[in-house]
């Protein structure tokens, strides 16, 4: 298993791991310490299947994906006017 890192700007970097995953996906990054963000998960049809507004000062968030069907999903993090996404595979 390997993680995936999304580094769009110096101030906004996050990683998701393990990828692929079967039970739990961890989203981590410095952004969670500094600002309020929205964390969403979408399936390949664009249907939102998870939403969490993260305002507490944490550096990682664990998602239980054990009940999701096998397939490709997208983690989308929104902060202000910035939107960042990364895909993961549920096995």
PDB file of N, CA and C in Angstrom:
ATOM      1  N   UNK A   1       0.834  -1.190   0.000  1.00  0.00           N
ATOM      2  CA  UNK A   1       0.000   0.000   0.000  1.00  0.00           C
ATOM      3  C   UNK A   1       0.867   1.238   0.000  1.00  0.00           C
ATOM      4  N   UNK A   2       0.442   2.215  -0.768  1.00  0.00           N
ATOM      5  CA  UNK A   2       1.176   3.467  -0.756  1.00  0.00           C
ATOM      6  C   UNK A   2       0.200   4.612  -0.578  1.00  0.00           C
ATOM      7  N   UNK A   3       0.687   5.732  -0.141  1.00  0.00           N
ATOM      8  CA  UNK A   3      -0.137   6.913   0.020  1.00  0.00           C
ATOM      9  C   UNK A   3      -0.038   7.792  -1.198  1.00  0.00           C
ATOM     10  N   UNK A   4      -0.960   8.716  -1.272  1.00  0.00           N
ATOM     11  CA  UNK A   4      -0.962   9.674  -2.359  1.00  0.00           C
ATOM     12  C   UNK A   4      -0.915  11.055  -1.751  1.00  0.00           C
ATOM     13  N   UNK A   5      -0.041  11.898  -2.245  1.00  0.00           N
ATOM     14  CA  UNK A   5       0.088  13.252  -1.731  1.00  0.00           C
ATOM     15  C   UNK A   5      -0.333  14.243  -2.792  1.00  0.00           C
ATOM     16  N   UNK A   6      -1.089  15.227  -2.359  1.00  0.00           N
ATOM     17  CA  UNK A   6      -1.514  16.304  -3.247  1.00  0.00           C
ATOM     18  C   UNK A   6      -0.880  17.579  -2.724  1.00  0.00           C
ATOM     19  N   UNK A   7      -0.017  18.186  -3.501  1.00  0.00           N
ATOM     20  CA  UNK A   7       0.673  19.395  -3.081  1.00  0.00           C
ATOM     21  C   UNK A   7       0.477  20.462  -4.142  1.00  0.00           C
ATOM     22  N   UNK A   8      -0.618  21.179  -4.026  1.00  0.00           N
ATOM     23  CA  UNK A   8      -0.950  22.193  -5.022  1.00  0.00           C
ATOM     24  C   UNK A   8      -0.238  23.516  -4.742  1.00  0.00           C
ATOM     25  N   UNK A   9      -0.128  23.868  -3.468  1.00  0.00           N
ATOM     26  CA  UNK A   9       0.544  25.103  -3.089  1.00  0.00           C
ATOM     27  C   UNK A   9       1.394  24.822  -1.859  1.00  0.00           C
ATOM     28  N   UNK A  10       2.249  25.751  -1.506  1.00  0.00           N
ATOM     29  CA  UNK A  10       3.076  25.580  -0.318  1.00  0.00           C
ATOM     30  C   UNK A  10       2.230  25.478   0.938  1.00  0.00           C
ATOM     31  N   UNK A  11       1.092  26.166   0.966  1.00  0.00           N
ATOM     32  CA  UNK A  11       0.295  26.259   2.169  1.00  0.00           C
ATOM     33  C   UNK A  11      -0.784  25.192   2.283  1.00  0.00           C
ATOM     34  N   UNK A  12      -0.922  24.368   1.275  1.00  0.00           N
ATOM     35  CA  UNK A  12      -2.037  23.421   1.282  1.00  0.00           C
ATOM     36  C   UNK A  12      -1.556  22.089   0.742  1.00  0.00           C
ATOM     37  N   UNK A  13      -1.235  21.189   1.632  1.00  0.00           N
ATOM     38  CA  UNK A  13      -0.758  19.866   1.231  1.00  0.00           C
ATOM     39  C   UNK A  13      -1.487  18.822   2.055  1.00  0.00           C
ATOM     40  N   UNK A  14      -1.925  17.754   1.390  1.00  0.00           N
ATOM     41  CA  UNK A  14      -2.535  16.667   2.138  1.00  0.00           C
ATOM     42  C   UNK A  14      -2.187  15.340   1.504  1.00  0.00           C
ATOM     43  N   UNK A  15      -2.346  14.290   2.280  1.00  0.00           N
ATOM     44  CA  UNK A  15      -2.110  12.950   1.759  1.00  0.00           C
ATOM     45  C   UNK A  15      -3.228  12.040   2.234  1.00  0.00           C
ATOM     46  N   UNK A  16      -3.477  10.993   1.444  1.00  0.00           N
ATOM     47  CA  UNK A  16      -4.454   9.984   1.820  1.00  0.00           C
ATOM     48  C   UNK A  16      -3.763   8.628   1.764  1.00  0.00           C
ATOM     49  N   UNK A  17      -4.047   7.806   2.747  1.00  0.00           N
ATOM     50  CA  UNK A  17      -3.406   6.495   2.821  1.00  0.00           C
ATOM     51  C   UNK A  17      -4.206   5.576   3.728  1.00  0.00           C
ATOM     52  N   UNK A  18      -4.079   4.259   3.613  1.00  0.00           N
ATOM     53  CA  UNK A  18      -3.429   3.578   2.490  1.00  0.00           C
ATOM     54  C   UNK A  18      -4.286   3.683   1.236  1.00  0.00           C
ATOM     55  N   UNK A  19      -3.672   3.568   0.110  1.00  0.00           N
ATOM     56  CA  UNK A  19      -4.384   3.668  -1.162  1.00  0.00           C
ATOM     57  C   UNK A  19      -3.788   2.654  -2.131  1.00  0.00           C
ATOM     58  N   UNK A  20      -4.495   1.568  -2.422  1.00  0.00           N
ATOM     59  CA  UNK A  20      -5.911   1.297  -2.127  1.00  0.00           C
ATOM     60  C   UNK A  20      -6.136   0.892  -0.667  1.00  0.00           C
ATOM     61  N   UNK A  21      -7.412   0.917  -0.260  1.00  0.00           N
ATOM     62  CA  UNK A  21      -7.779   0.583   1.111  1.00  0.00           C
ATOM     63  C   UNK A  21      -9.019  -0.295   1.119  1.00  0.00           C
ATOM     64  N   UNK A  22      -9.204  -1.003   2.221  1.00  0.00           N
ATOM     65  CA  UNK A  22     -10.401  -1.831   2.342  1.00  0.00           C
ATOM     66  C   UNK A  22     -11.265  -1.442   3.534  1.00  0.00           C
ATOM     67  N   UNK A  23     -10.667  -0.866   4.572  1.00  0.00           N
ATOM     68  CA  UNK A  23     -11.433  -0.555   5.779  1.00  0.00           C
ATOM     69  C   UNK A  23     -11.409   0.913   6.186  1.00  0.00           C
ATOM     70  N   UNK A  24     -10.217   1.485   6.275  1.00  0.00           N
ATOM     71  CA  UNK A  24     -10.098   2.853   6.776  1.00  0.00           C
ATOM     72  C   UNK A  24      -9.151   3.653   5.897  1.00  0.00           C
ATOM     73  N   UNK A  25      -9.528   4.892   5.648  1.00  0.00           N
ATOM     74  CA  UNK A  25      -8.702   5.811   4.875  1.00  0.00           C
ATOM     75  C   UNK A  25      -8.333   6.970   5.785  1.00  0.00           C
ATOM     76  N   UNK A  26      -7.057   7.304   5.838  1.00  0.00           N
ATOM     77  CA  UNK A  26      -6.603   8.430   6.640  1.00  0.00           C
ATOM     78  C   UNK A  26      -6.287   9.599   5.727  1.00  0.00           C
ATOM     79  N   UNK A  27      -6.848  10.746   6.064  1.00  0.00           N
ATOM     80  CA  UNK A  27      -6.558  11.998   5.366  1.00  0.00           C
ATOM     81  C   UNK A  27      -5.739  12.825   6.339  1.00  0.00           C
ATOM     82  N   UNK A  28      -4.536  13.207   5.937  1.00  0.00           N
ATOM     83  CA  UNK A  28      -3.698  13.986   6.842  1.00  0.00           C
ATOM     84  C   UNK A  28      -3.108  15.172   6.113  1.00  0.00           C
ATOM     85  N   UNK A  29      -2.793  16.199   6.895  1.00  0.00           N
ATOM     86  CA  UNK A  29      -2.177  17.368   6.295  1.00  0.00           C
ATOM     87  C   UNK A  29      -2.119  18.546   7.237  1.00  0.00           C
ATOM     88  N   UNK A  30      -1.194  19.423   6.945  1.00  0.00           N
ATOM     89  CA  UNK A  30      -1.010  20.630   7.744  1.00  0.00           C
ATOM     90  C   UNK A  30      -2.217  21.559   7.674  1.00  0.00           C
ATOM     91  N   UNK A  31      -2.966  21.482   6.577  1.00  0.00           N
ATOM     92  CA  UNK A  31      -4.114  22.365   6.402  1.00  0.00           C
ATOM     93  C   UNK A  31      -5.117  22.228   7.536  1.00  0.00           C
ATOM     94  N   UNK A  32      -5.230  21.039   8.117  1.00  0.00           N
ATOM     95  CA  UNK A  32      -6.199  20.836   9.183  1.00  0.00           C
ATOM     96  C   UNK A  32      -5.842  21.619  10.435  1.00  0.00           C
ATOM     97  N   UNK A  33      -4.583  21.971  10.579  1.00  0.00           N
ATOM     98  CA  UNK A  33      -4.160  22.715  11.759  1.00  0.00           C
ATOM     99  C   UNK A  33      -4.434  24.207  11.635  1.00  0.00           C
ATOM    100  N   UNK A  34      -4.555  24.697  10.415  1.00  0.00           N
ATOM    101  CA  UNK A  34      -4.530  26.137  10.210  1.00  0.00           C
ATOM    102  C   UNK A  34      -5.851  26.777   9.826  1.00  0.00           C
ATOM    103  N   UNK A  35      -6.803  26.006   9.352  1.00  0.00           N
ATOM    104  CA  UNK A  35      -7.995  26.637   8.820  1.00  0.00           C
ATOM    105  C   UNK A  35      -9.166  25.678   8.822  1.00  0.00           C
ATOM    106  N   UNK A  36     -10.345  26.246   8.662  1.00  0.00           N
ATOM    107  CA  UNK A  36     -11.545  25.423   8.556  1.00  0.00           C
ATOM    108  C   UNK A  36     -11.655  24.888   7.136  1.00  0.00           C
ATOM    109  N   UNK A  37     -11.894  23.606   7.011  1.00  0.00           N
ATOM    110  CA  UNK A  37     -12.005  22.988   5.695  1.00  0.00           C
ATOM    111  C   UNK A  37     -13.232  22.089   5.652  1.00  0.00           C
ATOM    112  N   UNK A  38     -13.689  21.808   4.442  1.00  0.00           N
ATOM    113  CA  UNK A  38     -14.738  20.822   4.225  1.00  0.00           C
ATOM    114  C   UNK A  38     -14.104  19.602   3.580  1.00  0.00           C
ATOM    115  N   UNK A  39     -14.416  18.456   4.110  1.00  0.00           N
ATOM    116  CA  UNK A  39     -13.900  17.189   3.608  1.00  0.00           C
ATOM    117  C   UNK A  39     -15.077  16.403   3.045  1.00  0.00           C
ATOM    118  N   UNK A  40     -14.995  16.050   1.761  1.00  0.00           N
ATOM    119  CA  UNK A  40     -16.076  15.322   1.105  1.00  0.00           C
ATOM    120  C   UNK A  40     -15.507  14.125   0.359  1.00  0.00           C
ATOM    121  N   UNK A  41     -16.343  13.104   0.198  1.00  0.00           N
ATOM    122  CA  UNK A  41     -16.003  11.951  -0.624  1.00  0.00           C
ATOM    123  C   UNK A  41     -17.115  11.777  -1.648  1.00  0.00           C
ATOM    124  N   UNK A  42     -16.713  11.596  -2.912  1.00  0.00           N
ATOM    125  CA  UNK A  42     -17.652  11.397  -4.009  1.00  0.00           C
ATOM    126  C   UNK A  42     -17.352  10.071  -4.690  1.00  0.00           C
ATOM    127  N   UNK A  43     -18.411   9.458  -5.252  1.00  0.00           N
ATOM    128  CA  UNK A  43     -18.179   8.284  -6.091  1.00  0.00           C
ATOM    129  C   UNK A  43     -17.984   8.746  -7.533  1.00  0.00           C
ATOM    130  N   UNK A  44     -17.812   7.817  -8.450  1.00  0.00           N
ATOM    131  CA  UNK A  44     -17.511   8.184  -9.841  1.00  0.00           C
ATOM    132  C   UNK A  44     -18.699   8.789 -10.576  1.00  0.00           C
ATOM    133  N   UNK A  45     -19.902   8.698 -10.005  1.00  0.00           N
ATOM    134  CA  UNK A  45     -21.068   9.337 -10.624  1.00  0.00           C
ATOM    135  C   UNK A  45     -21.239  10.772 -10.135  1.00  0.00           C
ATOM    136  N   UNK A  46     -20.377  11.197  -9.191  1.00  0.00           N
ATOM    137  CA  UNK A  46     -20.474  12.544  -8.641  1.00  0.00           C
ATOM    138  C   UNK A  46     -21.363  12.636  -7.418  1.00  0.00           C
ATOM    139  N   UNK A  47     -21.852  11.509  -6.946  1.00  0.00           N
ATOM    140  CA  UNK A  47     -22.717  11.498  -5.765  1.00  0.00           C
ATOM    141  C   UNK A  47     -21.866  11.684  -4.511  1.00  0.00           C
ATOM    142  N   UNK A  48     -22.250  12.651  -3.683  1.00  0.00           N
ATOM    143  CA  UNK A  48     -21.541  12.881  -2.423  1.00  0.00           C
ATOM    144  C   UNK A  48     -21.944  11.793  -1.438  1.00  0.00           C
ATOM    145  N   UNK A  49     -20.950  11.076  -0.924  1.00  0.00           N
ATOM    146  CA  UNK A  49     -21.258   9.991   0.003  1.00  0.00           C
ATOM    147  C   UNK A  49     -20.738  10.252   1.412  1.00  0.00           C
ATOM    148  N   UNK A  50     -19.982  11.333   1.586  1.00  0.00           N
ATOM    149  CA  UNK A  50     -19.489  11.695   2.908  1.00  0.00           C
ATOM    150  C   UNK A  50     -19.240  13.191   2.948  1.00  0.00           C
ATOM    151  N   UNK A  51     -19.573  13.822   4.092  1.00  0.00           N
ATOM    152  CA  UNK A  51     -19.292  15.240   4.290  1.00  0.00           C
ATOM    153  C   UNK A  51     -18.906  15.459   5.742  1.00  0.00           C
ATOM    154  N   UNK A  52     -17.857  16.232   5.947  1.00  0.00           N
ATOM    155  CA  UNK A  52     -17.446  16.605   7.301  1.00  0.00           C
ATOM    156  C   UNK A  52     -16.823  17.988   7.244  1.00  0.00           C
ATOM    157  N   UNK A  53     -17.320  18.891   8.093  1.00  0.00           N
ATOM    158  CA  UNK A  53     -16.692  20.202   8.232  1.00  0.00           C
ATOM    159  C   UNK A  53     -15.682  20.075   9.360  1.00  0.00           C
ATOM    160  N   UNK A  54     -14.418  20.288   9.029  1.00  0.00           N
ATOM    161  CA  UNK A  54     -13.343  20.123  10.006  1.00  0.00           C
ATOM    162  C   UNK A  54     -12.902  21.503  10.466  1.00  0.00           C
ATOM    163  N   UNK A  55     -13.178  21.802  11.727  1.00  0.00           N
ATOM    164  CA  UNK A  55     -12.765  23.095  12.259  1.00  0.00           C
ATOM    165  C   UNK A  55     -11.858  22.946  13.474  1.00  0.00           C
ATOM    166  N   UNK A  56     -11.794  21.736  14.026  1.00  0.00           N
ATOM    167  CA  UNK A  56     -10.905  21.515  15.161  1.00  0.00           C
ATOM    168  C   UNK A  56      -9.463  21.402  14.673  1.00  0.00           C
ATOM    169  N   UNK A  57      -8.535  21.651  15.563  1.00  0.00           N
ATOM    170  CA  UNK A  57      -7.121  21.656  15.186  1.00  0.00           C
ATOM    171  C   UNK A  57      -6.561  20.237  15.265  1.00  0.00           C
ATOM    172  N   UNK A  58      -6.695  19.506  14.164  1.00  0.00           N
ATOM    173  CA  UNK A  58      -6.167  18.153  14.073  1.00  0.00           C
ATOM    174  C   UNK A  58      -5.285  18.061  12.842  1.00  0.00           C
ATOM    175  N   UNK A  59      -4.441  17.042  12.783  1.00  0.00           N
ATOM    176  CA  UNK A  59      -3.582  16.905  11.602  1.00  0.00           C
ATOM    177  C   UNK A  59      -3.948  15.692  10.763  1.00  0.00           C
ATOM    178  N   UNK A  60      -4.978  14.934  11.193  1.00  0.00           N
ATOM    179  CA  UNK A  60      -5.432  13.802  10.380  1.00  0.00           C
ATOM    180  C   UNK A  60      -6.885  13.491  10.713  1.00  0.00           C
ATOM    181  N   UNK A  61      -7.540  12.878   9.752  1.00  0.00           N
ATOM    182  CA  UNK A  61      -8.928  12.474   9.932  1.00  0.00           C
ATOM    183  C   UNK A  61      -9.071  11.071   9.357  1.00  0.00           C
ATOM    184  N   UNK A  62      -9.649  10.164  10.128  1.00  0.00           N
ATOM    185  CA  UNK A  62      -9.818   8.780   9.687  1.00  0.00           C
ATOM    186  C   UNK A  62     -11.245   8.552   9.206  1.00  0.00           C
ATOM    187  N   UNK A  63     -11.364   8.012   8.000  1.00  0.00           N
ATOM    188  CA  UNK A  63     -12.664   7.715   7.410  1.00  0.00           C
ATOM    189  C   UNK A  63     -12.877   6.209   7.382  1.00  0.00           C
ATOM    190  N   UNK A  64     -14.022   5.765   7.873  1.00  0.00           N
ATOM    191  CA  UNK A  64     -14.388   4.354   7.772  1.00  0.00           C
ATOM    192  C   UNK A  64     -15.013   4.137   6.400  1.00  0.00           C
ATOM    193  N   UNK A  65     -14.331   3.402   5.546  1.00  0.00           N
ATOM    194  CA  UNK A  65     -14.834   3.139   4.193  1.00  0.00           C
ATOM    195  C   UNK A  65     -15.209   1.668   4.020  1.00  0.00           C
ATOM    196  N   UNK A  66     -15.294   0.938   5.119  1.00  0.00           N
ATOM    197  CA  UNK A  66     -15.547  -0.505   5.043  1.00  0.00           C
ATOM    198  C   UNK A  66     -16.892  -0.839   4.408  1.00  0.00           C
ATOM    199  N   UNK A  67     -17.874   0.048   4.529  1.00  0.00           N
ATOM    200  CA  UNK A  67     -19.201  -0.219   3.969  1.00  0.00           C
ATOM    201  C   UNK A  67     -19.356   0.232   2.523  1.00  0.00           C
ATOM    202  N   UNK A  68     -18.344   0.880   1.960  1.00  0.00           N
ATOM    203  CA  UNK A  68     -18.439   1.330   0.569  1.00  0.00           C
ATOM    204  C   UNK A  68     -18.243   0.161  -0.382  1.00  0.00           C
ATOM    205  N   UNK A  69     -18.958   0.172  -1.503  1.00  0.00           N
ATOM    206  CA  UNK A  69     -18.701  -0.844  -2.530  1.00  0.00           C
ATOM    207  C   UNK A  69     -17.295  -0.669  -3.115  1.00  0.00           C
ATOM    208  N   UNK A  70     -16.741  -1.738  -3.629  1.00  0.00           N
ATOM    209  CA  UNK A  70     -15.445  -1.689  -4.296  1.00  0.00           C
ATOM    210  C   UNK A  70     -15.514  -0.702  -5.456  1.00  0.00           C
ATOM    211  N   UNK A  71     -14.473   0.126  -5.602  1.00  0.00           N
ATOM    212  CA  UNK A  71     -14.458   1.057  -6.724  1.00  0.00           C
ATOM    213  C   UNK A  71     -13.566   2.253  -6.484  1.00  0.00           C
ATOM    214  N   UNK A  72     -13.686   3.212  -7.382  1.00  0.00           N
ATOM    215  CA  UNK A  72     -12.899   4.439  -7.353  1.00  0.00           C
ATOM    216  C   UNK A  72     -13.704   5.547  -6.688  1.00  0.00           C
ATOM    217  N   UNK A  73     -13.051   6.327  -5.828  1.00  0.00           N
ATOM    218  CA  UNK A  73     -13.686   7.429  -5.108  1.00  0.00           C
ATOM    219  C   UNK A  73     -12.756   8.632  -5.122  1.00  0.00           C
ATOM    220  N   UNK A  74     -13.326   9.784  -4.796  1.00  0.00           N
ATOM    221  CA  UNK A  74     -12.564  11.024  -4.768  1.00  0.00           C
ATOM    222  C   UNK A  74     -12.740  11.710  -3.426  1.00  0.00           C
ATOM    223  N   UNK A  75     -11.619  12.067  -2.799  1.00  0.00           N
ATOM    224  CA  UNK A  75     -11.628  12.909  -1.612  1.00  0.00           C
ATOM    225  C   UNK A  75     -11.472  14.335  -2.108  1.00  0.00           C
ATOM    226  N   UNK A  76     -12.378  15.221  -1.691  1.00  0.00           N
ATOM    227  CA  UNK A  76     -12.328  16.621  -2.095  1.00  0.00           C
ATOM    228  C   UNK A  76     -12.245  17.467  -0.834  1.00  0.00           C
ATOM    229  N   UNK A  77     -11.243  18.332  -0.785  1.00  0.00           N
ATOM    230  CA  UNK A  77     -11.057  19.232   0.349  1.00  0.00           C
ATOM    231  C   UNK A  77     -11.229  20.655  -0.146  1.00  0.00           C
ATOM    232  N   UNK A  78     -12.126  21.384   0.519  1.00  0.00           N
ATOM    233  CA  UNK A  78     -12.413  22.765   0.154  1.00  0.00           C
ATOM    234  C   UNK A  78     -12.015  23.674   1.305  1.00  0.00           C
ATOM    235  N   UNK A  79     -11.273  24.722   0.984  1.00  0.00           N
ATOM    236  CA  UNK A  79     -10.887  25.721   1.967  1.00  0.00           C
ATOM    237  C   UNK A  79     -10.986  27.083   1.305  1.00  0.00           C
ATOM    238  N   UNK A  80     -11.968  27.867   1.733  1.00  0.00           N
ATOM    239  CA  UNK A  80     -12.175  29.162   1.091  1.00  0.00           C
ATOM    240  C   UNK A  80     -12.492  28.977  -0.376  1.00  0.00           C
ATOM    241  N   UNK A  81     -11.710  29.606  -1.249  1.00  0.00           N
ATOM    242  CA  UNK A  81     -11.910  29.494  -2.692  1.00  0.00           C
ATOM    243  C   UNK A  81     -11.095  28.368  -3.320  1.00  0.00           C
ATOM    244  N   UNK A  82     -10.343  27.642  -2.525  1.00  0.00           N
ATOM    245  CA  UNK A  82      -9.477  26.583  -3.047  1.00  0.00           C
ATOM    246  C   UNK A  82     -10.142  25.219  -2.909  1.00  0.00           C
ATOM    247  N   UNK A  83     -10.034  24.411  -3.963  1.00  0.00           N
ATOM    248  CA  UNK A  83     -10.561  23.052  -3.955  1.00  0.00           C
ATOM    249  C   UNK A  83      -9.455  22.113  -4.420  1.00  0.00           C
ATOM    250  N   UNK A  84      -9.232  21.063  -3.647  1.00  0.00           N
ATOM    251  CA  UNK A  84      -8.205  20.080  -3.964  1.00  0.00           C
ATOM    252  C   UNK A  84      -8.828  18.697  -3.905  1.00  0.00           C
ATOM    253  N   UNK A  85      -8.437  17.829  -4.821  1.00  0.00           N
ATOM    254  CA  UNK A  85      -9.015  16.485  -4.823  1.00  0.00           C
ATOM    255  C   UNK A  85      -7.939  15.440  -5.073  1.00  0.00           C
ATOM    256  N   UNK A  86      -8.225  14.251  -4.604  1.00  0.00           N
ATOM    257  CA  UNK A  86      -7.345  13.107  -4.818  1.00  0.00           C
ATOM    258  C   UNK A  86      -8.219  11.869  -4.871  1.00  0.00           C
ATOM    259  N   UNK A  87      -7.842  10.920  -5.710  1.00  0.00           N
ATOM    260  CA  UNK A  87      -8.645   9.707  -5.830  1.00  0.00           C
ATOM    261  C   UNK A  87      -8.082   8.600  -4.953  1.00  0.00           C
ATOM    262  N   UNK A  88      -8.977   7.685  -4.574  1.00  0.00           N
ATOM    263  CA  UNK A  88      -8.545   6.479  -3.878  1.00  0.00           C
ATOM    264  C   UNK A  88      -9.389   5.307  -4.348  1.00  0.00           C
ATOM    265  N   UNK A  89      -8.861   4.122  -4.148  1.00  0.00           N
ATOM    266  CA  UNK A  89      -9.527   2.902  -4.579  1.00  0.00           C
ATOM    267  C   UNK A  89      -9.939   2.105  -3.349  1.00  0.00           C
ATOM    268  N   UNK A  90     -11.212   1.736  -3.305  1.00  0.00           N
ATOM    269  CA  UNK A  90     -11.731   0.848  -2.254  1.00  0.00           C
ATOM    270  C   UNK A  90     -11.676  -0.572  -2.800  1.00  0.00           C
ATOM    271  N   UNK A  91     -10.987  -1.462  -2.072  1.00  0.00           N
ATOM    272  CA  UNK A  91     -10.874  -2.858  -2.521  1.00  0.00           C
ATOM    273  C   UNK A  91     -11.608  -3.785  -1.566  1.00  0.00           C
TER     274      UNK A  91
END
